[in-house]
């Protein structure tokens, strides 16, 4: 989404080549995959900061909700909401004593860039992050929404999997992942928002006939930074396929062969025990029976990542995260997006 200024609207300026390219990309993804949007649904930033002789940080701590004390009456740290008068969740924690014992960083910030206001994000980037050293990203949730029923799509790969059904017997959620480093979810976002969301979320969900979400939850600064260097190649390396069970190659298989065919997704540990020749045979059959693989497009819309609920902006996800780690201010960070 783009918000032109009033002067730009009056002047009738034409869209830049970059804007046109983004519009074309969004249109192509929408037609082929039912793509709606990509967002950072959750972001956790960690770093180190010293309280003593740091007046700016001392002033900041005074406004937090809770000050925790040790048994001897000395402070143990602070935690609470960064913006006390706001309904937005910017949870902060500064626990230097506990962090030292656990050999971890002493500052923690968790928020949702997609549900954050432009002013609060700007405050974080321009005022808070510059106070930190050794910044890392310990968790990020990347959410892609599709106006399409994805219940028939299968999460591939060799990680553990779970499937949850609704009371009507239909698939509502698929899980895949290691837990320690990543979890992949594919679920009925419209149903979730309708049943659990607030009024705004419910109204938004009702705009769509179908709304499914593909969500990648990544954990651990080492894993995340390694994937960032690879531009999240991990996302596109995870097959997310819809198989054509009407395909002749599948129909002609015996019941036993169909079980082997499906075991790669539902029981990959068993499929891995097959001989090399047998695995090659069924992998070839799967390619012929695949209608679409969402993994083909997971790297394409990174430059369409949306942030800010009040003044929606499109940023490049890779650049956004790299700039956080490099601790760049908002002027550098959003030079092309207008924040």
C-alpha atoms as a PDB file:
ATOM      1  CA  UNK A   1       0.000   0.000   0.000  1.00  0.00           C
ATOM      2  CA  UNK A   2       1.143   3.482  -0.744  1.00  0.00           C
ATOM      3  CA  UNK A   3       0.020   6.776   0.760  1.00  0.00           C
ATOM      4  CA  UNK A   4       0.804   9.722  -1.492  1.00  0.00           C
ATOM      5  CA  UNK A   5       1.014  13.143   0.078  1.00  0.00           C
ATOM      6  CA  UNK A   6      -1.610  15.753  -0.770  1.00  0.00           C
ATOM      7  CA  UNK A   7       0.857  17.713  -2.867  1.00  0.00           C
ATOM      8  CA  UNK A   8       1.729  14.601  -4.861  1.00  0.00           C
ATOM      9  CA  UNK A   9      -1.939  13.908  -5.493  1.00  0.00           C
ATOM     10  CA  UNK A  10      -2.536  17.488  -6.691  1.00  0.00           C
ATOM     11  CA  UNK A  11       0.513  17.395  -8.895  1.00  0.00           C
ATOM     12  CA  UNK A  12      -0.675  14.142 -10.421  1.00  0.00           C
ATOM     13  CA  UNK A  13       2.775  12.556 -10.292  1.00  0.00           C
ATOM     14  CA  UNK A  14       3.114   9.235 -12.063  1.00  0.00           C
ATOM     15  CA  UNK A  15       4.166   6.094 -10.242  1.00  0.00           C
ATOM     16  CA  UNK A  16       7.878   5.359 -10.205  1.00  0.00           C
ATOM     17  CA  UNK A  17       9.258   2.314 -12.076  1.00  0.00           C
ATOM     18  CA  UNK A  18       9.775   0.619  -8.682  1.00  0.00           C
ATOM     19  CA  UNK A  19       6.137   1.176  -7.702  1.00  0.00           C
ATOM     20  CA  UNK A  20       4.928  -0.131 -11.059  1.00  0.00           C
ATOM     21  CA  UNK A  21       7.155  -3.182 -10.657  1.00  0.00           C
ATOM     22  CA  UNK A  22       5.691  -3.865  -7.202  1.00  0.00           C
ATOM     23  CA  UNK A  23       2.133  -3.474  -8.482  1.00  0.00           C
ATOM     24  CA  UNK A  24       2.839  -5.881 -11.337  1.00  0.00           C
ATOM     25  CA  UNK A  25       4.449  -8.379  -8.972  1.00  0.00           C
ATOM     26  CA  UNK A  26       1.533  -8.194  -6.555  1.00  0.00           C
ATOM     27  CA  UNK A  27      -0.941  -8.681  -9.432  1.00  0.00           C
ATOM     28  CA  UNK A  28       0.943 -11.713 -10.753  1.00  0.00           C
ATOM     29  CA  UNK A  29       1.177 -13.308  -7.318  1.00  0.00           C
ATOM     30  CA  UNK A  30      -2.484 -12.593  -6.661  1.00  0.00           C
ATOM     31  CA  UNK A  31      -3.640 -14.241  -9.892  1.00  0.00           C
ATOM     32  CA  UNK A  32      -1.400 -17.283  -9.669  1.00  0.00           C
ATOM     33  CA  UNK A  33      -1.353 -17.994  -5.940  1.00  0.00           C
ATOM     34  CA  UNK A  34      -4.161 -15.942  -4.424  1.00  0.00           C
ATOM     35  CA  UNK A  35      -1.525 -13.916  -2.550  1.00  0.00           C
ATOM     36  CA  UNK A  36      -2.890 -11.058  -0.433  1.00  0.00           C
ATOM     37  CA  UNK A  37      -0.086  -9.747   1.744  1.00  0.00           C
ATOM     38  CA  UNK A  38       3.139 -10.494   3.617  1.00  0.00           C
ATOM     39  CA  UNK A  39       3.767  -9.126   7.105  1.00  0.00           C
ATOM     40  CA  UNK A  40       6.177  -9.388  10.018  1.00  0.00           C
ATOM     41  CA  UNK A  41       3.707 -10.710  12.563  1.00  0.00           C
ATOM     42  CA  UNK A  42       6.129 -10.751  15.491  1.00  0.00           C
ATOM     43  CA  UNK A  43       9.671  -9.523  16.048  1.00  0.00           C
ATOM     44  CA  UNK A  44      11.967  -9.948  19.053  1.00  0.00           C
ATOM     45  CA  UNK A  45      15.113  -7.851  19.330  1.00  0.00           C
ATOM     46  CA  UNK A  46      17.780  -8.359  21.975  1.00  0.00           C
ATOM     47  CA  UNK A  47      20.841  -6.340  22.916  1.00  0.00           C
ATOM     48  CA  UNK A  48      23.036  -5.099  25.736  1.00  0.00           C
ATOM     49  CA  UNK A  49      22.857  -1.748  27.497  1.00  0.00           C
ATOM     50  CA  UNK A  50      24.377  -0.386  30.716  1.00  0.00           C
ATOM     51  CA  UNK A  51      22.233   1.670  33.082  1.00  0.00           C
ATOM     52  CA  UNK A  52      25.011   3.522  34.901  1.00  0.00           C
ATOM     53  CA  UNK A  53      26.158   6.763  33.310  1.00  0.00           C
ATOM     54  CA  UNK A  54      23.529   6.317  30.614  1.00  0.00           C
ATOM     55  CA  UNK A  55      21.120   9.150  31.316  1.00  0.00           C
ATOM     56  CA  UNK A  56      19.023   8.549  28.208  1.00  0.00           C
ATOM     57  CA  UNK A  57      18.350   4.933  29.205  1.00  0.00           C
ATOM     58  CA  UNK A  58      17.744   5.904  32.846  1.00  0.00           C
ATOM     59  CA  UNK A  59      15.094   8.382  31.722  1.00  0.00           C
ATOM     60  CA  UNK A  60      13.477   5.702  29.589  1.00  0.00           C
ATOM     61  CA  UNK A  61      13.291   3.169  32.450  1.00  0.00           C
ATOM     62  CA  UNK A  62      11.355   5.588  34.644  1.00  0.00           C
ATOM     63  CA  UNK A  63       8.283   5.196  32.443  1.00  0.00           C
ATOM     64  CA  UNK A  64       8.115   1.408  32.485  1.00  0.00           C
ATOM     65  CA  UNK A  65       5.366  -0.388  34.358  1.00  0.00           C
ATOM     66  CA  UNK A  66       7.341  -2.507  36.800  1.00  0.00           C
ATOM     67  CA  UNK A  67      10.604  -2.201  38.672  1.00  0.00           C
ATOM     68  CA  UNK A  68      11.800  -5.479  40.153  1.00  0.00           C
ATOM     69  CA  UNK A  69      13.854  -5.414  43.365  1.00  0.00           C
ATOM     70  CA  UNK A  70      16.206  -7.928  44.930  1.00  0.00           C
ATOM     71  CA  UNK A  71      15.787  -9.153  48.507  1.00  0.00           C
ATOM     72  CA  UNK A  72      18.290  -6.531  49.667  1.00  0.00           C
ATOM     73  CA  UNK A  73      16.196  -3.755  48.182  1.00  0.00           C
ATOM     74  CA  UNK A  74      18.480  -3.036  45.218  1.00  0.00           C
ATOM     75  CA  UNK A  75      16.985  -2.964  41.765  1.00  0.00           C
ATOM     76  CA  UNK A  76      17.019  -6.156  39.697  1.00  0.00           C
ATOM     77  CA  UNK A  77      15.646  -4.620  36.540  1.00  0.00           C
ATOM     78  CA  UNK A  78      12.624  -3.182  34.757  1.00  0.00           C
ATOM     79  CA  UNK A  79       9.963  -4.621  32.498  1.00  0.00           C
ATOM     80  CA  UNK A  80       6.602  -3.650  31.037  1.00  0.00           C
ATOM     81  CA  UNK A  81       5.139  -1.741  28.115  1.00  0.00           C
ATOM     82  CA  UNK A  82       7.325   0.759  26.320  1.00  0.00           C
ATOM     83  CA  UNK A  83       4.336   2.981  25.543  1.00  0.00           C
ATOM     84  CA  UNK A  84       2.109   2.975  28.606  1.00  0.00           C
ATOM     85  CA  UNK A  85      -0.668   5.060  27.041  1.00  0.00           C
ATOM     86  CA  UNK A  86      -0.839   2.945  23.888  1.00  0.00           C
ATOM     87  CA  UNK A  87      -2.859  -0.201  23.216  1.00  0.00           C
ATOM     88  CA  UNK A  88      -0.037  -1.479  21.015  1.00  0.00           C
ATOM     89  CA  UNK A  89       2.120  -4.220  22.516  1.00  0.00           C
ATOM     90  CA  UNK A  90       5.763  -3.148  22.779  1.00  0.00           C
ATOM     91  CA  UNK A  91       6.974  -5.358  25.616  1.00  0.00           C
ATOM     92  CA  UNK A  92      10.402  -4.424  27.004  1.00  0.00           C
ATOM     93  CA  UNK A  93      12.563  -6.081  29.629  1.00  0.00           C
ATOM     94  CA  UNK A  94      15.878  -5.004  31.162  1.00  0.00           C
ATOM     95  CA  UNK A  95      17.217  -7.620  33.580  1.00  0.00           C
ATOM     96  CA  UNK A  96      21.006  -7.194  33.883  1.00  0.00           C
ATOM     97  CA  UNK A  97      21.519  -9.384  36.959  1.00  0.00           C
ATOM     98  CA  UNK A  98      19.432 -12.261  35.621  1.00  0.00           C
ATOM     99  CA  UNK A  99      21.032 -11.921  32.185  1.00  0.00           C
ATOM    100  CA  UNK A 100      24.516 -12.130  33.671  1.00  0.00           C
ATOM    101  CA  UNK A 101      23.655 -15.342  35.506  1.00  0.00           C
ATOM    102  CA  UNK A 102      22.117 -16.863  32.393  1.00  0.00           C
ATOM    103  CA  UNK A 103      24.906 -15.525  30.157  1.00  0.00           C
ATOM    104  CA  UNK A 104      22.501 -13.807  27.809  1.00  0.00           C
ATOM    105  CA  UNK A 105      21.800 -10.241  26.675  1.00  0.00           C
ATOM    106  CA  UNK A 106      20.169  -7.944  29.191  1.00  0.00           C
ATOM    107  CA  UNK A 107      17.656  -6.087  26.998  1.00  0.00           C
ATOM    108  CA  UNK A 108      14.615  -7.555  25.250  1.00  0.00           C
ATOM    109  CA  UNK A 109      11.998  -5.934  23.002  1.00  0.00           C
ATOM    110  CA  UNK A 110       9.050  -7.746  21.438  1.00  0.00           C
ATOM    111  CA  UNK A 111       6.436  -6.188  19.147  1.00  0.00           C
ATOM    112  CA  UNK A 112       4.409  -6.627  15.969  1.00  0.00           C
ATOM    113  CA  UNK A 113       5.552  -4.241  13.188  1.00  0.00           C
ATOM    114  CA  UNK A 114       2.320  -4.824  11.229  1.00  0.00           C
ATOM    115  CA  UNK A 115       0.199  -3.706  14.196  1.00  0.00           C
ATOM    116  CA  UNK A 116       2.453  -0.811  15.216  1.00  0.00           C
ATOM    117  CA  UNK A 117       1.909   2.859  14.527  1.00  0.00           C
ATOM    118  CA  UNK A 118       4.375   4.789  12.449  1.00  0.00           C
ATOM    119  CA  UNK A 119       5.217   7.108  15.364  1.00  0.00           C
ATOM    120  CA  UNK A 120       5.975   4.253  17.772  1.00  0.00           C
ATOM    121  CA  UNK A 121       8.137   2.442  15.251  1.00  0.00           C
ATOM    122  CA  UNK A 122      10.043   5.623  14.528  1.00  0.00           C
ATOM    123  CA  UNK A 123      10.622   6.113  18.272  1.00  0.00           C
ATOM    124  CA  UNK A 124      12.015   2.600  18.598  1.00  0.00           C
ATOM    125  CA  UNK A 125      14.344   2.965  15.638  1.00  0.00           C
ATOM    126  CA  UNK A 126      15.526   6.516  16.304  1.00  0.00           C
ATOM    127  CA  UNK A 127      15.680   6.594  20.092  1.00  0.00           C
ATOM    128  CA  UNK A 128      15.716   3.104  21.629  1.00  0.00           C
ATOM    129  CA  UNK A 129      17.833   0.952  19.312  1.00  0.00           C
ATOM    130  CA  UNK A 130      20.747   3.445  19.215  1.00  0.00           C
ATOM    131  CA  UNK A 131      21.114   2.875  22.985  1.00  0.00           C
ATOM    132  CA  UNK A 132      21.797  -0.832  22.451  1.00  0.00           C
ATOM    133  CA  UNK A 133      24.942  -2.739  21.608  1.00  0.00           C
ATOM    134  CA  UNK A 134      25.374  -6.232  20.152  1.00  0.00           C
ATOM    135  CA  UNK A 135      21.865  -6.210  18.681  1.00  0.00           C
ATOM    136  CA  UNK A 136      20.422  -9.532  17.548  1.00  0.00           C
ATOM    137  CA  UNK A 137      17.048 -10.834  16.371  1.00  0.00           C
ATOM    138  CA  UNK A 138      15.977 -13.841  18.436  1.00  0.00           C
ATOM    139  CA  UNK A 139      12.563 -14.439  16.863  1.00  0.00           C
ATOM    140  CA  UNK A 140      10.645 -13.410  13.785  1.00  0.00           C
ATOM    141  CA  UNK A 141       7.262 -14.561  12.479  1.00  0.00           C
ATOM    142  CA  UNK A 142       6.786 -14.047   8.732  1.00  0.00           C
ATOM    143  CA  UNK A 143       3.132 -14.318   7.691  1.00  0.00           C
ATOM    144  CA  UNK A 144       1.827 -14.659   4.129  1.00  0.00           C
ATOM    145  CA  UNK A 145      -1.937 -14.458   3.594  1.00  0.00           C
ATOM    146  CA  UNK A 146      -3.772 -16.006   0.656  1.00  0.00           C
ATOM    147  CA  UNK A 147      -7.330 -15.616  -0.577  1.00  0.00           C
ATOM    148  CA  UNK A 148      -7.510 -19.301  -1.272  1.00  0.00           C
ATOM    149  CA  UNK A 149      -8.468 -22.515   0.528  1.00  0.00           C
ATOM    150  CA  UNK A 150      -5.111 -24.121   1.332  1.00  0.00           C
ATOM    151  CA  UNK A 151      -6.482 -27.080   3.301  1.00  0.00           C
ATOM    152  CA  UNK A 152      -5.374 -29.503   0.578  1.00  0.00           C
ATOM    153  CA  UNK A 153      -1.770 -28.250   0.570  1.00  0.00           C
ATOM    154  CA  UNK A 154       0.861 -30.453   2.218  1.00  0.00           C
ATOM    155  CA  UNK A 155       3.873 -29.238   4.201  1.00  0.00           C
ATOM    156  CA  UNK A 156       6.896 -31.139   2.944  1.00  0.00           C
ATOM    157  CA  UNK A 157      10.378 -31.621   4.357  1.00  0.00           C
ATOM    158  CA  UNK A 158      11.700 -34.079   6.933  1.00  0.00           C
ATOM    159  CA  UNK A 159      10.569 -32.261  10.085  1.00  0.00           C
ATOM    160  CA  UNK A 160       7.797 -33.412  12.437  1.00  0.00           C
ATOM    161  CA  UNK A 161       4.218 -32.694  11.352  1.00  0.00           C
ATOM    162  CA  UNK A 162       0.781 -32.356  12.922  1.00  0.00           C
ATOM    163  CA  UNK A 163      -2.682 -31.883  11.431  1.00  0.00           C
ATOM    164  CA  UNK A 164      -5.695 -30.464  13.290  1.00  0.00           C
ATOM    165  CA  UNK A 165      -9.292 -30.917  12.152  1.00  0.00           C
ATOM    166  CA  UNK A 166     -12.349 -28.817  12.951  1.00  0.00           C
ATOM    167  CA  UNK A 167     -15.618 -30.182  14.295  1.00  0.00           C
ATOM    168  CA  UNK A 168     -16.828 -30.433  10.704  1.00  0.00           C
ATOM    169  CA  UNK A 169     -13.995 -32.823   9.880  1.00  0.00           C
ATOM    170  CA  UNK A 170     -12.187 -30.317   7.644  1.00  0.00           C
ATOM    171  CA  UNK A 171      -8.490 -29.547   8.027  1.00  0.00           C
ATOM    172  CA  UNK A 172      -7.990 -26.235   9.845  1.00  0.00           C
ATOM    173  CA  UNK A 173      -4.269 -26.244  10.636  1.00  0.00           C
ATOM    174  CA  UNK A 174      -1.097 -27.986   9.529  1.00  0.00           C
ATOM    175  CA  UNK A 175       2.114 -27.750  11.569  1.00  0.00           C
ATOM    176  CA  UNK A 176       5.661 -28.632  10.595  1.00  0.00           C
ATOM    177  CA  UNK A 177       8.979 -27.852  12.222  1.00  0.00           C
ATOM    178  CA  UNK A 178      11.785 -28.651  14.610  1.00  0.00           C
ATOM    179  CA  UNK A 179      10.501 -26.428  17.425  1.00  0.00           C
ATOM    180  CA  UNK A 180      13.982 -25.220  18.380  1.00  0.00           C
ATOM    181  CA  UNK A 181      14.643 -23.337  15.154  1.00  0.00           C
ATOM    182  CA  UNK A 182      11.424 -23.081  13.181  1.00  0.00           C
ATOM    183  CA  UNK A 183       7.746 -23.885  13.043  1.00  0.00           C
ATOM    184  CA  UNK A 184       5.652 -23.652   9.876  1.00  0.00           C
ATOM    185  CA  UNK A 185       1.898 -23.176  10.170  1.00  0.00           C
ATOM    186  CA  UNK A 186      -0.721 -23.338   7.457  1.00  0.00           C
ATOM    187  CA  UNK A 187      -4.154 -22.474   8.805  1.00  0.00           C
ATOM    188  CA  UNK A 188      -7.600 -21.016   8.181  1.00  0.00           C
ATOM    189  CA  UNK A 189      -7.019 -17.391   9.147  1.00  0.00           C
ATOM    190  CA  UNK A 190     -10.599 -16.331   8.438  1.00  0.00           C
ATOM    191  CA  UNK A 191     -11.975 -18.937  10.843  1.00  0.00           C
ATOM    192  CA  UNK A 192      -9.456 -17.960  13.533  1.00  0.00           C
ATOM    193  CA  UNK A 193     -10.202 -14.229  13.215  1.00  0.00           C
ATOM    194  CA  UNK A 194     -13.949 -14.800  13.132  1.00  0.00           C
ATOM    195  CA  UNK A 195     -13.892 -16.903  16.313  1.00  0.00           C
ATOM    196  CA  UNK A 196     -11.089 -15.235  18.315  1.00  0.00           C
ATOM    197  CA  UNK A 197     -10.374 -11.817  16.807  1.00  0.00           C
ATOM    198  CA  UNK A 198     -11.620  -8.449  17.989  1.00  0.00           C
ATOM    199  CA  UNK A 199     -14.289  -6.519  16.100  1.00  0.00           C
ATOM    200  CA  UNK A 200     -11.801  -4.944  13.694  1.00  0.00           C
ATOM    201  CA  UNK A 201     -10.179  -8.306  12.920  1.00  0.00           C
ATOM    202  CA  UNK A 202     -13.570  -9.934  12.391  1.00  0.00           C
ATOM    203  CA  UNK A 203     -14.681  -7.203   9.980  1.00  0.00           C
ATOM    204  CA  UNK A 204     -11.413  -7.479   8.062  1.00  0.00           C
ATOM    205  CA  UNK A 205     -11.734 -11.266   7.763  1.00  0.00           C
ATOM    206  CA  UNK A 206     -15.272 -10.976   6.411  1.00  0.00           C
ATOM    207  CA  UNK A 207     -13.945  -9.118   3.365  1.00  0.00           C
ATOM    208  CA  UNK A 208     -12.608 -12.421   2.040  1.00  0.00           C
ATOM    209  CA  UNK A 209     -14.412 -15.522   0.837  1.00  0.00           C
ATOM    210  CA  UNK A 210     -11.353 -17.496   1.899  1.00  0.00           C
ATOM    211  CA  UNK A 211      -8.339 -16.371   3.929  1.00  0.00           C
ATOM    212  CA  UNK A 212      -5.540 -18.782   4.778  1.00  0.00           C
ATOM    213  CA  UNK A 213      -2.187 -17.966   6.349  1.00  0.00           C
ATOM    214  CA  UNK A 214       1.231 -19.497   5.763  1.00  0.00           C
ATOM    215  CA  UNK A 215       3.378 -18.575   8.750  1.00  0.00           C
ATOM    216  CA  UNK A 216       7.080 -19.145   9.352  1.00  0.00           C
ATOM    217  CA  UNK A 217       8.106 -18.797  13.002  1.00  0.00           C
ATOM    218  CA  UNK A 218      11.906 -18.630  13.250  1.00  0.00           C
ATOM    219  CA  UNK A 219      13.836 -18.893  16.536  1.00  0.00           C
ATOM    220  CA  UNK A 220      17.413 -18.242  17.643  1.00  0.00           C
ATOM    221  CA  UNK A 221      19.634 -15.373  16.585  1.00  0.00           C
ATOM    222  CA  UNK A 222      22.215 -17.721  15.062  1.00  0.00           C
ATOM    223  CA  UNK A 223      19.668 -19.540  12.913  1.00  0.00           C
ATOM    224  CA  UNK A 224      17.885 -16.317  11.904  1.00  0.00           C
ATOM    225  CA  UNK A 225      21.066 -14.448  10.944  1.00  0.00           C
ATOM    226  CA  UNK A 226      22.312 -17.464   8.993  1.00  0.00           C
ATOM    227  CA  UNK A 227      19.025 -17.608   7.085  1.00  0.00           C
ATOM    228  CA  UNK A 228      19.114 -13.845   6.563  1.00  0.00           C
ATOM    229  CA  UNK A 229      22.516 -14.126   4.895  1.00  0.00           C
ATOM    230  CA  UNK A 230      20.943 -16.667   2.557  1.00  0.00           C
ATOM    231  CA  UNK A 231      17.938 -14.352   2.020  1.00  0.00           C
ATOM    232  CA  UNK A 232      15.708 -16.911   3.743  1.00  0.00           C
ATOM    233  CA  UNK A 233      16.368 -19.588   1.164  1.00  0.00           C
ATOM    234  CA  UNK A 234      15.058 -21.960   3.848  1.00  0.00           C
ATOM    235  CA  UNK A 235      11.512 -20.762   3.107  1.00  0.00           C
ATOM    236  CA  UNK A 236      11.631 -21.715  -0.548  1.00  0.00           C
ATOM    237  CA  UNK A 237      13.448 -24.971   0.198  1.00  0.00           C
ATOM    238  CA  UNK A 238      10.424 -26.240   2.159  1.00  0.00           C
ATOM    239  CA  UNK A 239       7.905 -27.815  -0.240  1.00  0.00           C
ATOM    240  CA  UNK A 240       4.318 -26.668   0.280  1.00  0.00           C
ATOM    241  CA  UNK A 241       2.483 -28.548  -2.421  1.00  0.00           C
ATOM    242  CA  UNK A 242      -0.989 -29.320  -3.622  1.00  0.00           C
ATOM    243  CA  UNK A 243      -1.123 -32.749  -5.207  1.00  0.00           C
ATOM    244  CA  UNK A 244      -3.499 -33.816  -7.949  1.00  0.00           C
ATOM    245  CA  UNK A 245      -5.041 -37.047  -6.743  1.00  0.00           C
ATOM    246  CA  UNK A 246      -6.956 -37.264 -10.013  1.00  0.00           C
ATOM    247  CA  UNK A 247      -3.657 -37.534 -11.888  1.00  0.00           C
ATOM    248  CA  UNK A 248      -3.357 -40.796 -13.840  1.00  0.00           C
ATOM    249  CA  UNK A 249       0.101 -41.460 -12.379  1.00  0.00           C
ATOM    250  CA  UNK A 250      -1.444 -41.523  -8.885  1.00  0.00           C
ATOM    251  CA  UNK A 251      -4.708 -43.306  -9.713  1.00  0.00           C
ATOM    252  CA  UNK A 252      -2.882 -46.223 -11.314  1.00  0.00           C
ATOM    253  CA  UNK A 253      -0.842 -46.917  -8.177  1.00  0.00           C
ATOM    254  CA  UNK A 254      -1.780 -49.859  -5.981  1.00  0.00           C
ATOM    255  CA  UNK A 255      -3.061 -49.134  -2.447  1.00  0.00           C
ATOM    256  CA  UNK A 256       0.360 -50.075  -1.056  1.00  0.00           C
ATOM    257  CA  UNK A 257       2.107 -47.752  -3.502  1.00  0.00           C
ATOM    258  CA  UNK A 258      -0.252 -44.903  -2.610  1.00  0.00           C
ATOM    259  CA  UNK A 259       0.731 -45.297   1.040  1.00  0.00           C
ATOM    260  CA  UNK A 260       4.411 -45.015   0.076  1.00  0.00           C
ATOM    261  CA  UNK A 261       3.587 -42.040  -2.154  1.00  0.00           C
ATOM    262  CA  UNK A 262       1.953 -40.174   0.752  1.00  0.00           C
ATOM    263  CA  UNK A 263       4.465 -41.219   3.398  1.00  0.00           C
ATOM    264  CA  UNK A 264       7.009 -38.630   2.313  1.00  0.00           C
ATOM    265  CA  UNK A 265       4.789 -35.886   3.747  1.00  0.00           C
ATOM    266  CA  UNK A 266       3.032 -37.626   6.595  1.00  0.00           C
ATOM    267  CA  UNK A 267       5.862 -39.934   7.739  1.00  0.00           C
ATOM    268  CA  UNK A 268       9.144 -38.660   6.239  1.00  0.00           C
ATOM    269  CA  UNK A 269      11.211 -40.736   8.682  1.00  0.00           C
ATOM    270  CA  UNK A 270       9.785 -43.906   7.102  1.00  0.00           C
ATOM    271  CA  UNK A 271      10.187 -42.610   3.554  1.00  0.00           C
ATOM    272  CA  UNK A 272      13.864 -41.943   4.335  1.00  0.00           C
ATOM    273  CA  UNK A 273      14.402 -45.660   5.026  1.00  0.00           C
ATOM    274  CA  UNK A 274      13.461 -46.639   1.467  1.00  0.00           C
ATOM    275  CA  UNK A 275      16.122 -47.514  -1.069  1.00  0.00           C
ATOM    276  CA  UNK A 276      17.592 -44.776  -3.231  1.00  0.00           C
ATOM    277  CA  UNK A 277      15.910 -46.139  -6.345  1.00  0.00           C
ATOM    278  CA  UNK A 278      12.491 -46.370  -4.660  1.00  0.00           C
ATOM    279  CA  UNK A 279      12.712 -42.793  -3.337  1.00  0.00           C
ATOM    280  CA  UNK A 280      13.701 -41.550  -6.786  1.00  0.00           C
ATOM    281  CA  UNK A 281      10.694 -43.318  -8.317  1.00  0.00           C
ATOM    282  CA  UNK A 282       8.147 -41.756  -5.972  1.00  0.00           C
ATOM    283  CA  UNK A 283       9.785 -38.339  -6.039  1.00  0.00           C
ATOM    284  CA  UNK A 284       9.416 -38.359  -9.824  1.00  0.00           C
ATOM    285  CA  UNK A 285       5.761 -39.361  -9.505  1.00  0.00           C
ATOM    286  CA  UNK A 286       5.140 -36.564  -7.012  1.00  0.00           C
ATOM    287  CA  UNK A 287       6.535 -33.971  -9.397  1.00  0.00           C
ATOM    288  CA  UNK A 288       4.130 -35.123 -12.076  1.00  0.00           C
ATOM    289  CA  UNK A 289       1.202 -35.004  -9.638  1.00  0.00           C
ATOM    290  CA  UNK A 290       2.033 -31.573  -8.194  1.00  0.00           C
ATOM    291  CA  UNK A 291      -0.366 -28.829  -9.251  1.00  0.00           C
ATOM    292  CA  UNK A 292       1.342 -25.970  -7.441  1.00  0.00           C
ATOM    293  CA  UNK A 293       4.131 -25.454  -4.915  1.00  0.00           C
ATOM    294  CA  UNK A 294       3.784 -22.315  -2.777  1.00  0.00           C
ATOM    295  CA  UNK A 295       7.495 -22.530  -2.024  1.00  0.00           C
ATOM    296  CA  UNK A 296       8.061 -21.348  -5.591  1.00  0.00           C
ATOM    297  CA  UNK A 297       6.901 -17.870  -4.587  1.00  0.00           C
ATOM    298  CA  UNK A 298       7.955 -17.433  -0.945  1.00  0.00           C
ATOM    299  CA  UNK A 299      11.016 -15.336  -1.842  1.00  0.00           C
ATOM    300  CA  UNK A 300       9.230 -13.197  -4.400  1.00  0.00           C
ATOM    301  CA  UNK A 301       7.108 -10.868  -2.219  1.00  0.00           C
ATOM    302  CA  UNK A 302       9.797  -9.878   0.350  1.00  0.00           C
ATOM    303  CA  UNK A 303       9.908  -6.378  -1.098  1.00  0.00           C
ATOM    304  CA  UNK A 304       6.139  -6.095  -0.520  1.00  0.00           C
ATOM    305  CA  UNK A 305       6.345  -6.643   3.250  1.00  0.00           C
ATOM    306  CA  UNK A 306       3.848  -4.396   5.053  1.00  0.00           C
ATOM    307  CA  UNK A 307       4.351  -2.557   8.349  1.00  0.00           C
ATOM    308  CA  UNK A 308       2.403   0.119  10.295  1.00  0.00           C
ATOM    309  CA  UNK A 309      -1.357  -0.080  10.719  1.00  0.00           C
ATOM    310  CA  UNK A 310      -2.055   3.661  10.581  1.00  0.00           C
ATOM    311  CA  UNK A 311       0.173   4.585   7.626  1.00  0.00           C
ATOM    312  CA  UNK A 312       0.830   1.259   5.869  1.00  0.00           C
ATOM    313  CA  UNK A 313       4.250   1.063   4.263  1.00  0.00           C
ATOM    314  CA  UNK A 314       5.937  -1.480   2.055  1.00  0.00           C
ATOM    315  CA  UNK A 315       9.510  -2.334   2.939  1.00  0.00           C
ATOM    316  CA  UNK A 316      12.001  -4.926   1.769  1.00  0.00           C
ATOM    317  CA  UNK A 317      12.101  -7.582   4.492  1.00  0.00           C
ATOM    318  CA  UNK A 318      15.776  -8.459   3.963  1.00  0.00           C
ATOM    319  CA  UNK A 319      16.912  -4.829   4.061  1.00  0.00           C
ATOM    320  CA  UNK A 320      14.673  -4.091   7.040  1.00  0.00           C
ATOM    321  CA  UNK A 321      16.202  -6.846   9.186  1.00  0.00           C
ATOM    322  CA  UNK A 322      19.767  -6.129   8.086  1.00  0.00           C
ATOM    323  CA  UNK A 323      19.310  -2.462   8.984  1.00  0.00           C
ATOM    324  CA  UNK A 324      18.111  -3.409  12.477  1.00  0.00           C
ATOM    325  CA  UNK A 325      21.250  -5.474  13.013  1.00  0.00           C
ATOM    326  CA  UNK A 326      23.371  -2.605  11.688  1.00  0.00           C
ATOM    327  CA  UNK A 327      21.406  -0.219  13.914  1.00  0.00           C
ATOM    328  CA  UNK A 328      20.447   2.269  11.236  1.00  0.00           C
ATOM    329  CA  UNK A 329      17.974   5.058  12.024  1.00  0.00           C
ATOM    330  CA  UNK A 330      14.585   5.475  10.392  1.00  0.00           C
ATOM    331  CA  UNK A 331      15.814   8.088   7.907  1.00  0.00           C
ATOM    332  CA  UNK A 332      18.192   5.552   6.381  1.00  0.00           C
ATOM    333  CA  UNK A 333      15.867   2.642   6.961  1.00  0.00           C
ATOM    334  CA  UNK A 334      12.828   4.125   5.241  1.00  0.00           C
ATOM    335  CA  UNK A 335      14.406   6.411   2.701  1.00  0.00           C
ATOM    336  CA  UNK A 336      12.315   4.767  -0.031  1.00  0.00           C
ATOM    337  CA  UNK A 337       9.147   4.063   1.930  1.00  0.00           C
ATOM    338  CA  UNK A 338       8.443   7.470   3.386  1.00  0.00           C
ATOM    339  CA  UNK A 339       8.503   6.702   7.115  1.00  0.00           C
END
